[in-house]
Amino acid sequence: MIQPTPTKVLLTTTFEPLVRQLSGSLARGVRLIEPFLHDEPTPTTTMIFERELSALLREVGRRIMAWTLNRLEPKADREVPSRVSFEGRLYRRRRTHPHVVGTLFGPVTLWRRLYEPHGHHGRSIQPLELRLGIEAGWATPALAERVGYWATDHTQHEGLEMVQRDHGISWSCTSLRNLLGSLRAGMAPYREGAQVERILGWIEQARASTGRFRPTLSVGRDGIFVPLRGGVAQEGATATVSVLDRRGQRVGTVDLGLMPESGQATLTDQLTGLLQAIFQQVDSQLLRLASVSDEGHHPSTYYHQVLKKMVDPRRPWRRLEWIRIVDFYHAGGYVQP
């Protein structure tokens, strides 16, 4: 008889509580499989089997997540520091508190220690949540990423319904907005660098194309008053930077957008910073530069006060040369008989 090694004994002992938790779920899975195998399959029974199996596997994953996350932090106070320093401030240990966190598998209760500010006012911190990357106190990184993708193509209420349907998590509108705001703040420092890298890649792709034109860097922007509840409206703003190949075919576009943005000052700063970063790394004389917009106040002001005066970083004694294109519909509105 082969005796288990000490490591195997330790692992068996460590994970035994988890195995016991999952044994019931495994038995339930067997009970799902048996009738499906013995009965004549139909589209309806297949759909029911798949849905129930998906729910079961999600529950298994949820239990594994809860069990694992709650064993990352020592139970005994003596095994954790009584004081921690975070962002230049000192915090003192307090007791553990439960908090429900959303995961891809559903909500789990996370027990984590609180550390309150020592000698100053402010919010308490939870080191375990910080180490795990819990976003806005509501979601694991994987779930936050998925919700962020959904938010780009769906309304707020659609996003809440999808989180409830696919992950069994009920959030309020405020919780969802806080999560998306946290995602935006976390990604903001990396936005410009990522967009510059993508645009430079498109420019190289456009330069390798065939055609009689130079590759084009096209800049556009616009604003709109978006109606909100209560009969009010807020001014939203958007801008685009596109690359076109030598035949005038679009290679790719990056977008900027802010809502609300009265005066569109932040959008102006972001768009200008993005363009300056691009021209620092690519020779403007290898490109056709185009400004494409309507004749609205902000697009027109941006062209005259920013683009026309923008200096070539590689030739600081000269300004960049832009081709301005105004769409026919808006231009036609200013023509009088």
Protein backbone atom coordinates (compact mmCIF):
# COMPACT_ATOMS: atom_id res chain seq x y z
CA MET A 1 0.00 0.00 0.00
CA ILE A 2 1.40 3.41 -1.03
CA GLN A 3 1.42 5.89 1.81
CA PRO A 4 0.48 9.50 0.93
CA THR A 5 3.28 12.03 1.17
CA PRO A 6 3.01 14.76 3.85
CA THR A 7 2.26 17.31 1.12
CA LYS A 8 -0.65 15.23 -0.16
CA VAL A 9 -1.97 14.79 3.35
CA LEU A 10 -1.76 18.54 3.92
CA LEU A 11 -3.58 19.31 0.67
CA THR A 12 -6.26 16.72 1.40
CA THR A 13 -6.80 18.17 4.86
CA THR A 14 -6.79 21.76 3.60
CA PHE A 15 -9.32 21.24 0.82
CA GLU A 16 -11.53 18.70 2.57
CA PRO A 17 -14.12 21.33 3.67
CA LEU A 18 -14.38 22.57 0.10
CA VAL A 19 -14.77 19.05 -1.27
CA ARG A 20 -17.59 18.41 1.20
CA GLN A 21 -19.30 21.62 0.07
CA LEU A 22 -19.11 20.58 -3.56
CA SER A 23 -20.20 16.96 -3.11
CA GLY A 24 -23.86 17.91 -3.07
CA SER A 25 -23.47 19.92 -6.27
CA LEU A 26 -21.76 16.99 -7.99
CA ALA A 27 -24.58 14.68 -6.97
CA ARG A 28 -27.06 17.21 -8.33
CA GLY A 29 -25.15 17.21 -11.62
CA VAL A 30 -25.51 13.44 -11.89
CA ARG A 31 -29.24 13.76 -11.29
CA LEU A 32 -29.41 16.24 -14.17
CA ILE A 33 -27.53 13.96 -16.56
CA GLU A 34 -29.41 10.72 -15.96
CA PRO A 35 -32.91 11.71 -17.15
CA PHE A 36 -31.48 13.62 -20.11
CA LEU A 37 -29.60 10.51 -21.29
CA HIS A 38 -32.52 8.13 -20.85
CA ASP A 39 -35.26 10.27 -22.42
CA GLU A 40 -35.66 11.05 -26.09
CA PRO A 41 -33.80 14.37 -26.64
CA THR A 42 -35.71 17.34 -28.01
CA PRO A 43 -34.72 20.98 -28.52
CA THR A 44 -36.75 21.88 -25.43
CA THR A 45 -35.21 19.27 -23.14
CA THR A 46 -31.74 20.14 -24.45
CA MET A 47 -32.27 23.81 -23.66
CA ILE A 48 -33.56 23.00 -20.16
CA PHE A 49 -30.63 20.65 -19.49
CA GLU A 50 -28.08 23.19 -20.68
CA ARG A 51 -29.58 26.01 -18.64
CA GLU A 52 -29.76 23.93 -15.47
CA LEU A 53 -26.21 22.67 -15.98
CA SER A 54 -24.99 26.23 -16.52
CA ALA A 55 -26.67 27.37 -13.30
CA LEU A 56 -25.15 24.41 -11.43
CA LEU A 57 -21.63 25.10 -12.69
CA ARG A 58 -22.03 28.76 -11.82
CA GLU A 59 -23.00 27.78 -8.29
CA VAL A 60 -19.96 25.50 -8.05
CA GLY A 61 -17.74 28.35 -9.21
CA ARG A 62 -19.38 30.74 -6.75
CA ARG A 63 -18.69 28.39 -3.83
CA ILE A 64 -15.08 27.88 -4.91
CA MET A 65 -14.59 31.65 -5.20
CA ALA A 66 -16.11 32.32 -1.78
CA TRP A 67 -14.13 29.55 -0.10
CA THR A 68 -10.84 30.62 -1.72
CA LEU A 69 -11.12 34.37 -1.23
CA ASN A 70 -12.02 33.98 2.43
CA ARG A 71 -8.82 32.02 3.09
CA LEU A 72 -6.43 34.62 1.80
CA GLU A 73 -6.44 36.67 4.98
CA PRO A 74 -5.34 35.09 8.29
CA LYS A 75 -8.09 34.51 10.84
CA ALA A 76 -6.02 35.35 13.92
CA ASP A 77 -5.31 39.01 14.66
CA ARG A 78 -1.80 38.17 15.78
CA GLU A 79 -0.97 37.05 12.25
CA VAL A 80 -1.74 40.42 10.65
CA PRO A 81 -0.19 43.83 11.33
CA SER A 82 -1.92 46.16 13.77
CA ARG A 83 -0.87 49.19 11.69
CA VAL A 84 -0.55 49.63 7.94
CA SER A 85 0.55 52.54 5.78
CA PHE A 86 -1.30 53.34 2.58
CA GLU A 87 -0.71 56.33 0.28
CA GLY A 88 1.27 58.09 2.97
CA ARG A 89 -1.32 57.64 5.72
CA LEU A 90 -1.37 55.37 8.75
CA TYR A 91 -4.28 53.03 9.50
CA ARG A 92 -5.00 50.85 12.54
CA ARG A 93 -6.56 47.42 12.52
CA ARG A 94 -10.16 46.79 13.41
CA ARG A 95 -12.29 43.64 13.29
CA THR A 96 -13.42 41.74 10.20
CA HIS A 97 -16.63 42.72 8.45
CA PRO A 98 -18.65 40.92 5.76
CA HIS A 99 -19.25 42.50 2.39
CA VAL A 100 -21.05 41.09 -0.65
CA VAL A 101 -18.90 41.22 -3.79
CA GLY A 102 -19.98 40.38 -7.32
CA THR A 103 -18.06 37.73 -9.27
CA LEU A 104 -18.56 36.07 -12.65
CA PHE A 105 -20.25 33.22 -10.79
CA GLY A 106 -22.54 35.35 -8.66
CA PRO A 107 -22.43 37.24 -5.36
CA VAL A 108 -20.10 36.01 -2.61
CA THR A 109 -19.72 37.22 0.96
CA LEU A 110 -16.16 38.36 1.56
CA TRP A 111 -14.94 38.63 5.15
CA ARG A 112 -12.15 41.21 5.28
CA ARG A 113 -10.45 43.29 7.95
CA LEU A 114 -11.06 46.97 8.17
CA TYR A 115 -8.30 49.44 8.93
CA GLU A 116 -9.48 52.85 10.08
CA PRO A 117 -7.50 56.11 9.77
CA HIS A 118 -5.13 56.66 12.67
CA GLY A 119 -4.92 60.25 13.84
CA HIS A 120 -6.86 61.74 10.93
CA HIS A 121 -10.32 61.74 9.44
CA GLY A 122 -11.15 59.71 6.38
CA ARG A 123 -12.56 56.47 5.09
CA SER A 124 -11.42 53.09 6.29
CA ILE A 125 -9.57 50.76 3.93
CA GLN A 126 -9.77 47.01 3.37
CA PRO A 127 -6.31 45.73 2.38
CA LEU A 128 -7.70 42.42 1.12
CA GLU A 129 -10.05 44.20 -1.30
CA LEU A 130 -7.18 46.38 -2.49
CA ARG A 131 -4.97 43.35 -3.13
CA LEU A 132 -7.75 41.51 -4.97
CA GLY A 133 -8.56 44.54 -7.12
CA ILE A 134 -12.21 44.74 -6.05
CA GLU A 135 -13.57 47.55 -8.19
CA ALA A 136 -15.50 50.28 -6.34
CA GLY A 137 -16.17 47.75 -3.58
CA TRP A 138 -18.65 45.89 -5.79
CA ALA A 139 -16.99 43.62 -8.36
CA THR A 140 -13.98 41.41 -8.97
CA PRO A 141 -11.70 42.48 -11.85
CA ALA A 142 -13.15 39.88 -14.24
CA LEU A 143 -16.75 40.94 -13.61
CA ALA A 144 -15.85 44.63 -13.74
CA GLU A 145 -14.21 44.09 -17.12
CA ARG A 146 -17.31 42.38 -18.48
CA VAL A 147 -19.63 45.09 -17.18
CA GLY A 148 -17.37 47.74 -18.70
CA TYR A 149 -17.67 46.09 -22.12
CA TRP A 150 -21.45 45.89 -21.78
CA ALA A 151 -21.69 49.55 -20.81
CA THR A 152 -20.22 50.63 -24.15
CA ASP A 153 -23.12 49.15 -26.13
CA HIS A 154 -26.06 49.05 -23.72
CA THR A 155 -28.11 51.40 -21.60
CA GLN A 156 -27.86 51.48 -17.85
CA HIS A 157 -31.02 49.46 -17.33
CA GLU A 158 -29.97 46.90 -19.95
CA GLY A 159 -26.65 46.50 -18.16
CA LEU A 160 -28.37 45.93 -14.82
CA GLU A 161 -30.65 43.32 -16.39
CA MET A 162 -27.69 41.50 -17.96
CA VAL A 163 -25.78 41.41 -14.66
CA GLN A 164 -28.86 39.99 -12.96
CA ARG A 165 -29.61 37.45 -15.69
CA ASP A 166 -26.09 36.19 -16.37
CA HIS A 167 -24.53 36.52 -12.92
CA GLY A 168 -27.40 36.59 -10.44
CA ILE A 169 -26.33 39.97 -9.05
CA SER A 170 -28.79 42.74 -8.18
CA TRP A 171 -27.24 46.19 -8.26
CA SER A 172 -28.79 49.62 -7.98
CA CYS A 173 -28.26 52.28 -10.62
CA THR A 174 -25.96 54.09 -8.19
CA SER A 175 -23.79 51.00 -7.68
CA LEU A 176 -23.43 50.52 -11.42
CA ARG A 177 -22.53 54.17 -11.99
CA ASN A 178 -19.96 54.04 -9.18
CA LEU A 179 -18.40 50.93 -10.73
CA LEU A 180 -18.20 52.46 -14.21
CA GLY A 181 -16.82 55.69 -12.77
CA SER A 182 -14.12 53.73 -10.97
CA LEU A 183 -13.23 51.87 -14.17
CA ARG A 184 -12.99 55.11 -16.08
CA ALA A 185 -10.77 56.73 -13.45
CA GLY A 186 -8.52 53.68 -13.36
CA MET A 187 -8.06 53.53 -17.14
CA ALA A 188 -7.79 57.30 -17.76
CA PRO A 189 -3.99 57.53 -17.24
CA TYR A 190 -3.46 54.86 -19.91
CA ARG A 191 -5.97 56.11 -22.49
CA GLU A 192 -3.76 58.49 -24.43
CA GLY A 193 -0.79 56.11 -24.61
CA ALA A 194 -2.97 53.24 -25.82
CA GLN A 195 -4.65 55.44 -28.44
CA VAL A 196 -1.34 56.81 -29.72
CA GLU A 197 0.04 53.28 -30.07
CA ARG A 198 -3.04 52.16 -31.98
CA ILE A 199 -2.99 55.20 -34.31
CA LEU A 200 0.73 54.82 -35.07
CA GLY A 201 0.08 51.21 -36.04
CA TRP A 202 -2.71 52.30 -38.39
CA ILE A 203 -0.47 54.94 -39.96
CA GLU A 204 2.16 52.31 -40.74
CA GLN A 205 -0.56 50.12 -42.21
CA ALA A 206 -1.82 53.04 -44.32
CA ARG A 207 1.69 53.88 -45.54
CA ALA A 208 2.12 50.29 -46.73
CA SER A 209 -1.08 50.50 -48.79
CA THR A 210 -1.25 51.31 -52.49
CA GLY A 211 -2.85 54.40 -53.97
CA ARG A 212 -2.13 57.91 -55.19
CA PHE A 213 -2.69 59.79 -51.92
CA ARG A 214 -0.66 60.21 -48.80
CA PRO A 215 -2.20 58.54 -45.74
CA THR A 216 -4.71 60.83 -44.05
CA LEU A 217 -5.09 61.73 -40.40
CA SER A 218 -8.66 62.99 -40.00
CA VAL A 219 -9.90 64.82 -36.90
CA GLY A 220 -13.57 65.34 -36.13
CA ARG A 221 -15.63 66.57 -33.20
CA ASP A 222 -19.22 67.41 -32.37
CA GLY A 223 -21.52 68.14 -29.47
CA ILE A 224 -25.16 67.50 -28.69
CA PHE A 225 -27.66 68.32 -25.98
CA VAL A 226 -28.85 65.00 -24.57
CA PRO A 227 -32.32 65.02 -22.98
CA LEU A 228 -32.42 63.60 -19.47
CA ARG A 229 -35.17 62.75 -17.04
CA GLY A 230 -37.04 65.68 -15.57
CA GLY A 231 -37.10 67.65 -18.80
CA VAL A 232 -33.51 68.85 -18.54
CA ALA A 233 -30.67 68.41 -21.01
CA GLN A 234 -26.91 68.20 -20.66
CA GLU A 235 -24.30 68.97 -23.29
CA GLY A 236 -22.34 65.94 -24.38
CA ALA A 237 -19.25 66.06 -26.59
CA THR A 238 -17.39 63.62 -28.81
CA ALA A 239 -14.28 63.63 -30.97
CA THR A 240 -12.65 61.17 -33.36
CA VAL A 241 -9.19 60.66 -34.82
CA SER A 242 -9.18 58.44 -37.91
CA VAL A 243 -6.52 57.09 -40.24
CA LEU A 244 -7.28 56.61 -43.97
CA ASP A 245 -5.06 54.69 -46.37
CA ARG A 246 -3.71 55.83 -49.76
CA ARG A 247 -7.06 55.09 -51.41
CA GLY A 248 -9.05 57.03 -48.86
CA GLN A 249 -10.36 53.92 -47.09
CA ARG A 250 -10.62 54.14 -43.34
CA VAL A 251 -8.13 51.97 -41.47
CA GLY A 252 -9.32 52.72 -37.94
CA THR A 253 -10.75 55.30 -35.55
CA VAL A 254 -10.27 56.16 -31.89
CA ASP A 255 -13.01 57.99 -30.02
CA LEU A 256 -13.16 60.50 -27.21
CA GLY A 257 -16.33 61.41 -25.39
CA LEU A 258 -17.53 63.25 -22.30
CA MET A 259 -20.98 63.69 -20.84
CA PRO A 260 -21.88 66.22 -19.60
CA GLU A 261 -19.28 68.77 -20.62
CA SER A 262 -20.42 72.37 -20.74
CA GLY A 263 -18.01 74.29 -22.93
CA GLN A 264 -16.24 71.02 -23.90
CA ALA A 265 -12.97 72.21 -22.31
CA THR A 266 -11.88 68.77 -21.15
CA LEU A 267 -12.53 67.25 -24.57
CA THR A 268 -10.46 70.03 -26.16
CA ASP A 269 -7.55 69.29 -23.83
CA GLN A 270 -7.74 65.53 -24.42
CA LEU A 271 -7.97 65.82 -28.20
CA THR A 272 -5.15 68.36 -28.39
CA GLY A 273 -2.92 66.25 -26.14
CA LEU A 274 -3.59 63.18 -28.27
CA LEU A 275 -2.69 65.00 -31.50
CA GLN A 276 0.48 66.48 -30.03
CA ALA A 277 1.57 63.04 -28.82
CA ILE A 278 1.00 61.62 -32.32
CA PHE A 279 3.00 64.36 -34.07
CA GLN A 280 5.85 63.85 -31.64
CA GLN A 281 6.29 60.35 -33.08
CA VAL A 282 5.33 60.66 -36.74
CA ASP A 283 6.42 63.14 -39.41
CA SER A 284 3.39 65.27 -40.31
CA GLN A 285 4.72 65.77 -43.85
CA LEU A 286 4.07 62.09 -44.52
CA LEU A 287 0.35 62.68 -43.88
CA ARG A 288 -2.58 64.62 -45.18
CA LEU A 289 -4.19 66.37 -42.22
CA ALA A 290 -7.94 66.90 -42.38
CA SER A 291 -10.48 68.49 -40.05
CA VAL A 292 -13.97 67.12 -40.71
CA SER A 293 -16.93 68.57 -38.81
CA ASP A 294 -20.00 70.72 -39.08
CA GLU A 295 -19.96 74.49 -38.71
CA GLY A 296 -21.10 74.41 -35.08
CA HIS A 297 -19.57 76.73 -32.52
CA HIS A 298 -17.21 74.29 -30.78
CA PRO A 299 -15.93 72.47 -33.91
CA SER A 300 -15.37 75.77 -35.71
CA THR A 301 -13.68 77.37 -32.72
CA TYR A 302 -11.43 74.34 -32.29
CA TYR A 303 -10.32 74.49 -35.90
CA HIS A 304 -9.54 78.23 -35.88
CA GLN A 305 -8.06 78.53 -32.40
CA VAL A 306 -6.27 75.18 -32.03
CA LEU A 307 -5.71 73.24 -35.26
CA LYS A 308 -4.76 76.23 -37.46
CA LYS A 309 -2.30 77.43 -34.82
CA MET A 310 -0.83 74.02 -34.00
CA VAL A 311 2.94 73.96 -34.50
CA ASP A 312 4.75 70.99 -36.02
CA PRO A 313 6.81 69.55 -33.11
CA ARG A 314 9.52 68.46 -35.56
CA ARG A 315 9.62 71.88 -37.25
CA PRO A 316 8.74 74.42 -34.56
CA TRP A 317 9.21 77.30 -37.01
CA ARG A 318 6.12 76.28 -39.03
CA ARG A 319 2.50 75.43 -38.41
CA LEU A 320 0.75 72.26 -39.46
CA GLU A 321 -1.30 72.46 -42.65
CA TRP A 322 -4.88 71.26 -42.31
CA ILE A 323 -7.56 70.69 -44.93
CA ARG A 324 -10.89 71.75 -43.51
CA ILE A 325 -14.02 69.88 -44.63
CA VAL A 326 -17.48 71.01 -43.53
CA ASP A 327 -20.39 68.68 -44.24
CA PHE A 328 -22.73 69.84 -47.00
CA TYR A 329 -25.93 69.68 -44.97
CA HIS A 330 -24.75 72.14 -42.34
CA ALA A 331 -23.00 74.35 -44.87
CA GLY A 332 -26.14 74.46 -46.99
CA GLY A 333 -28.10 75.76 -44.02
CA TYR A 334 -26.06 78.99 -44.13
CA VAL A 335 -26.71 79.62 -47.85
CA GLN A 336 -29.36 82.25 -48.49
CA PRO A 337 -31.16 82.70 -51.82
